[in-house]
Amino acid sequence: MLTGLAKGQHLLLQRLTGHDEGDCFLQVLLADDTTYLVEHRTGTTAERHRTRSATQAEVHDAVLRWTADHGTVT
């Protein structure tokens, strides 16, 4: 899915959780400058974590860590 992204397009993944666990999602945007913007939110807090990456390999690893639920995306 990452390789199919065009500039300005995004990928959104949502983890289904219980009502009391809050929203859980990861979003990847391929920016016009060809960097990737990665944002995720886990839990009931309104806090979102964002990072920028220049390589698709780094984003791929972050997505895999998120799907496996091994820590945060950095």
N, C-alpha and C. Protein backbone atom coordinates (compact mmCIF):
# COMPACT_ATOMS: atom_id res chain seq x y z
N MET A 1 0.81 -1.19 0.00
CA MET A 1 0.00 0.00 0.00
C MET A 1 0.86 1.26 0.00
N LEU A 2 1.99 1.21 0.68
CA LEU A 2 2.86 2.39 0.70
C LEU A 2 3.42 2.70 -0.68
N THR A 3 3.77 1.67 -1.42
CA THR A 3 4.36 1.91 -2.74
C THR A 3 3.35 2.50 -3.71
N GLY A 4 2.06 2.32 -3.45
CA GLY A 4 1.03 2.85 -4.32
C GLY A 4 0.62 4.28 -4.02
N LEU A 5 1.19 4.87 -2.96
CA LEU A 5 0.83 6.24 -2.60
C LEU A 5 1.39 7.25 -3.60
N ALA A 6 0.57 8.18 -4.02
CA ALA A 6 1.01 9.30 -4.84
C ALA A 6 1.12 10.53 -3.94
N LYS A 7 1.83 11.54 -4.40
CA LYS A 7 1.97 12.77 -3.61
C LYS A 7 0.59 13.30 -3.24
N GLY A 8 0.43 13.63 -1.96
CA GLY A 8 -0.84 14.16 -1.46
C GLY A 8 -1.82 13.09 -1.02
N GLN A 9 -1.53 11.83 -1.27
CA GLN A 9 -2.42 10.75 -0.83
C GLN A 9 -1.98 10.24 0.54
N HIS A 10 -2.92 9.61 1.25
CA HIS A 10 -2.60 9.07 2.56
C HIS A 10 -3.15 7.66 2.72
N LEU A 11 -2.58 6.97 3.67
CA LEU A 11 -3.00 5.63 4.08
C LEU A 11 -3.46 5.76 5.52
N LEU A 12 -4.61 5.22 5.83
CA LEU A 12 -5.15 5.29 7.19
C LEU A 12 -5.47 3.89 7.67
N LEU A 13 -4.89 3.51 8.80
CA LEU A 13 -5.16 2.23 9.43
C LEU A 13 -5.79 2.50 10.78
N GLN A 14 -6.85 1.76 11.09
CA GLN A 14 -7.51 1.92 12.38
C GLN A 14 -7.58 0.58 13.07
N ARG A 15 -7.22 0.57 14.36
CA ARG A 15 -7.30 -0.64 15.17
C ARG A 15 -8.63 -0.63 15.89
N LEU A 16 -9.37 -1.70 15.77
CA LEU A 16 -10.64 -1.81 16.48
C LEU A 16 -10.36 -2.10 17.95
N THR A 17 -10.91 -1.26 18.83
CA THR A 17 -10.68 -1.40 20.26
C THR A 17 -12.01 -1.33 20.99
N GLY A 18 -11.98 -1.64 22.26
CA GLY A 18 -13.16 -1.53 23.10
C GLY A 18 -13.54 -0.08 23.30
N HIS A 19 -14.78 0.16 23.67
CA HIS A 19 -15.28 1.53 23.86
C HIS A 19 -14.44 2.33 24.84
N ASP A 20 -13.98 1.72 25.91
CA ASP A 20 -13.22 2.44 26.93
C ASP A 20 -11.74 2.60 26.59
N GLU A 21 -11.30 2.00 25.50
CA GLU A 21 -9.89 2.09 25.12
C GLU A 21 -9.59 3.30 24.25
N GLY A 22 -10.59 3.90 23.65
CA GLY A 22 -10.38 5.09 22.83
C GLY A 22 -9.98 4.75 21.41
N ASP A 23 -9.69 5.81 20.65
CA ASP A 23 -9.33 5.67 19.24
C ASP A 23 -7.90 5.18 19.11
N CYS A 24 -7.67 4.43 18.06
CA CYS A 24 -6.33 3.93 17.78
C CYS A 24 -6.16 3.91 16.26
N PHE A 25 -5.30 4.79 15.74
CA PHE A 25 -5.10 4.82 14.31
C PHE A 25 -3.67 5.20 13.97
N LEU A 26 -3.30 4.90 12.73
CA LEU A 26 -2.02 5.31 12.18
C LEU A 26 -2.31 5.87 10.80
N GLN A 27 -1.72 7.01 10.49
CA GLN A 27 -1.94 7.65 9.20
C GLN A 27 -0.58 8.00 8.58
N VAL A 28 -0.44 7.70 7.29
CA VAL A 28 0.78 8.03 6.56
C VAL A 28 0.39 8.89 5.37
N LEU A 29 1.04 10.04 5.23
CA LEU A 29 0.81 10.94 4.11
C LEU A 29 2.10 11.08 3.32
N LEU A 30 2.02 10.93 2.01
CA LEU A 30 3.17 11.22 1.16
C LEU A 30 3.06 12.69 0.75
N ALA A 31 3.92 13.51 1.31
CA ALA A 31 3.87 14.96 1.10
C ALA A 31 4.38 15.32 -0.30
N ASP A 32 4.12 16.54 -0.70
CA ASP A 32 4.55 17.02 -2.01
C ASP A 32 6.06 17.01 -2.18
N ASP A 33 6.80 17.11 -1.07
CA ASP A 33 8.26 17.06 -1.15
C ASP A 33 8.81 15.64 -1.07
N THR A 34 7.93 14.65 -1.22
CA THR A 34 8.21 13.19 -1.20
C THR A 34 8.70 12.67 0.15
N THR A 35 8.50 13.44 1.22
CA THR A 35 8.73 12.88 2.55
C THR A 35 7.41 12.30 3.05
N TYR A 36 7.51 11.41 4.00
CA TYR A 36 6.34 10.77 4.59
C TYR A 36 6.05 11.38 5.95
N LEU A 37 4.81 11.76 6.17
CA LEU A 37 4.38 12.24 7.47
C LEU A 37 3.60 11.10 8.12
N VAL A 38 4.03 10.70 9.30
CA VAL A 38 3.40 9.58 10.01
C VAL A 38 2.82 10.12 11.30
N GLU A 39 1.57 9.79 11.55
CA GLU A 39 0.88 10.25 12.76
C GLU A 39 0.14 9.06 13.35
N HIS A 40 0.17 8.95 14.66
CA HIS A 40 -0.62 7.90 15.30
C HIS A 40 -1.22 8.39 16.60
N ARG A 41 -2.31 7.77 16.95
CA ARG A 41 -3.00 8.05 18.21
C ARG A 41 -3.42 6.72 18.80
N THR A 42 -3.15 6.57 20.07
CA THR A 42 -3.53 5.36 20.77
C THR A 42 -4.15 5.74 22.10
N GLY A 43 -5.32 5.23 22.37
CA GLY A 43 -5.93 5.44 23.67
C GLY A 43 -6.93 6.57 23.70
N THR A 44 -7.31 6.92 24.92
CA THR A 44 -8.37 7.90 25.11
C THR A 44 -7.86 9.33 25.17
N THR A 45 -6.57 9.56 25.25
CA THR A 45 -6.06 10.92 25.31
C THR A 45 -6.12 11.57 23.93
N ALA A 46 -6.17 12.86 23.91
CA ALA A 46 -6.21 13.59 22.64
C ALA A 46 -4.81 13.78 22.06
N GLU A 47 -3.82 13.18 22.68
CA GLU A 47 -2.44 13.33 22.24
C GLU A 47 -2.18 12.52 20.98
N ARG A 48 -1.56 13.17 20.01
CA ARG A 48 -1.17 12.51 18.77
C ARG A 48 0.34 12.61 18.63
N HIS A 49 0.92 11.59 18.08
CA HIS A 49 2.37 11.56 17.88
C HIS A 49 2.63 11.66 16.39
N ARG A 50 3.54 12.57 16.01
CA ARG A 50 3.85 12.80 14.60
C ARG A 50 5.35 12.73 14.37
N THR A 51 5.70 12.25 13.20
CA THR A 51 7.10 12.24 12.79
C THR A 51 7.15 12.35 11.27
N ARG A 52 8.31 12.70 10.76
CA ARG A 52 8.52 12.81 9.31
C ARG A 52 9.67 11.87 8.95
N SER A 53 9.55 11.22 7.83
CA SER A 53 10.58 10.29 7.39
C SER A 53 10.85 10.50 5.91
N ALA A 54 12.10 10.35 5.54
CA ALA A 54 12.49 10.51 4.14
C ALA A 54 12.43 9.20 3.37
N THR A 55 12.41 8.08 4.08
CA THR A 55 12.47 6.80 3.36
C THR A 55 11.24 5.94 3.60
N GLN A 56 10.85 5.25 2.56
CA GLN A 56 9.72 4.34 2.65
C GLN A 56 10.04 3.16 3.58
N ALA A 57 11.30 2.75 3.64
CA ALA A 57 11.70 1.64 4.50
C ALA A 57 11.45 1.98 5.97
N GLU A 58 11.77 3.21 6.39
CA GLU A 58 11.52 3.62 7.77
C GLU A 58 10.02 3.62 8.07
N VAL A 59 9.23 4.09 7.14
CA VAL A 59 7.78 4.12 7.33
C VAL A 59 7.23 2.69 7.39
N HIS A 60 7.73 1.84 6.53
CA HIS A 60 7.31 0.43 6.53
C HIS A 60 7.57 -0.20 7.90
N ASP A 61 8.76 0.02 8.44
CA ASP A 61 9.10 -0.51 9.77
C ASP A 61 8.18 0.06 10.85
N ALA A 62 7.87 1.35 10.76
CA ALA A 62 6.98 1.99 11.75
C ALA A 62 5.58 1.39 11.67
N VAL A 63 5.09 1.16 10.46
CA VAL A 63 3.76 0.57 10.29
C VAL A 63 3.74 -0.85 10.85
N LEU A 64 4.78 -1.62 10.59
CA LEU A 64 4.84 -2.98 11.13
C LEU A 64 4.89 -2.98 12.65
N ARG A 65 5.66 -2.06 13.25
CA ARG A 65 5.70 -1.98 14.72
C ARG A 65 4.33 -1.61 15.27
N TRP A 66 3.64 -0.68 14.62
CA TRP A 66 2.32 -0.28 15.07
C TRP A 66 1.33 -1.43 14.97
N THR A 67 1.34 -2.15 13.87
CA THR A 67 0.39 -3.26 13.71
C THR A 67 0.68 -4.37 14.71
N ALA A 68 1.94 -4.55 15.05
CA ALA A 68 2.30 -5.57 16.04
C ALA A 68 2.14 -5.05 17.47
N ASP A 69 1.88 -3.74 17.61
CA ASP A 69 1.66 -3.09 18.91
C ASP A 69 2.89 -3.19 19.79
N HIS A 70 4.06 -2.96 19.21
CA HIS A 70 5.32 -2.97 19.97
C HIS A 70 5.82 -1.55 20.15
N GLY A 71 5.26 -0.85 21.09
CA GLY A 71 5.73 0.49 21.39
C GLY A 71 5.15 1.54 20.48
N THR A 72 5.76 2.69 20.48
CA THR A 72 5.24 3.81 19.71
C THR A 72 5.97 3.92 18.38
N VAL A 73 5.43 4.70 17.52
CA VAL A 73 6.03 4.95 16.22
C VAL A 73 6.92 6.16 16.36
N THR A 74 8.18 6.03 16.00
CA THR A 74 9.11 7.17 16.06
C THR A 74 9.86 7.29 14.76
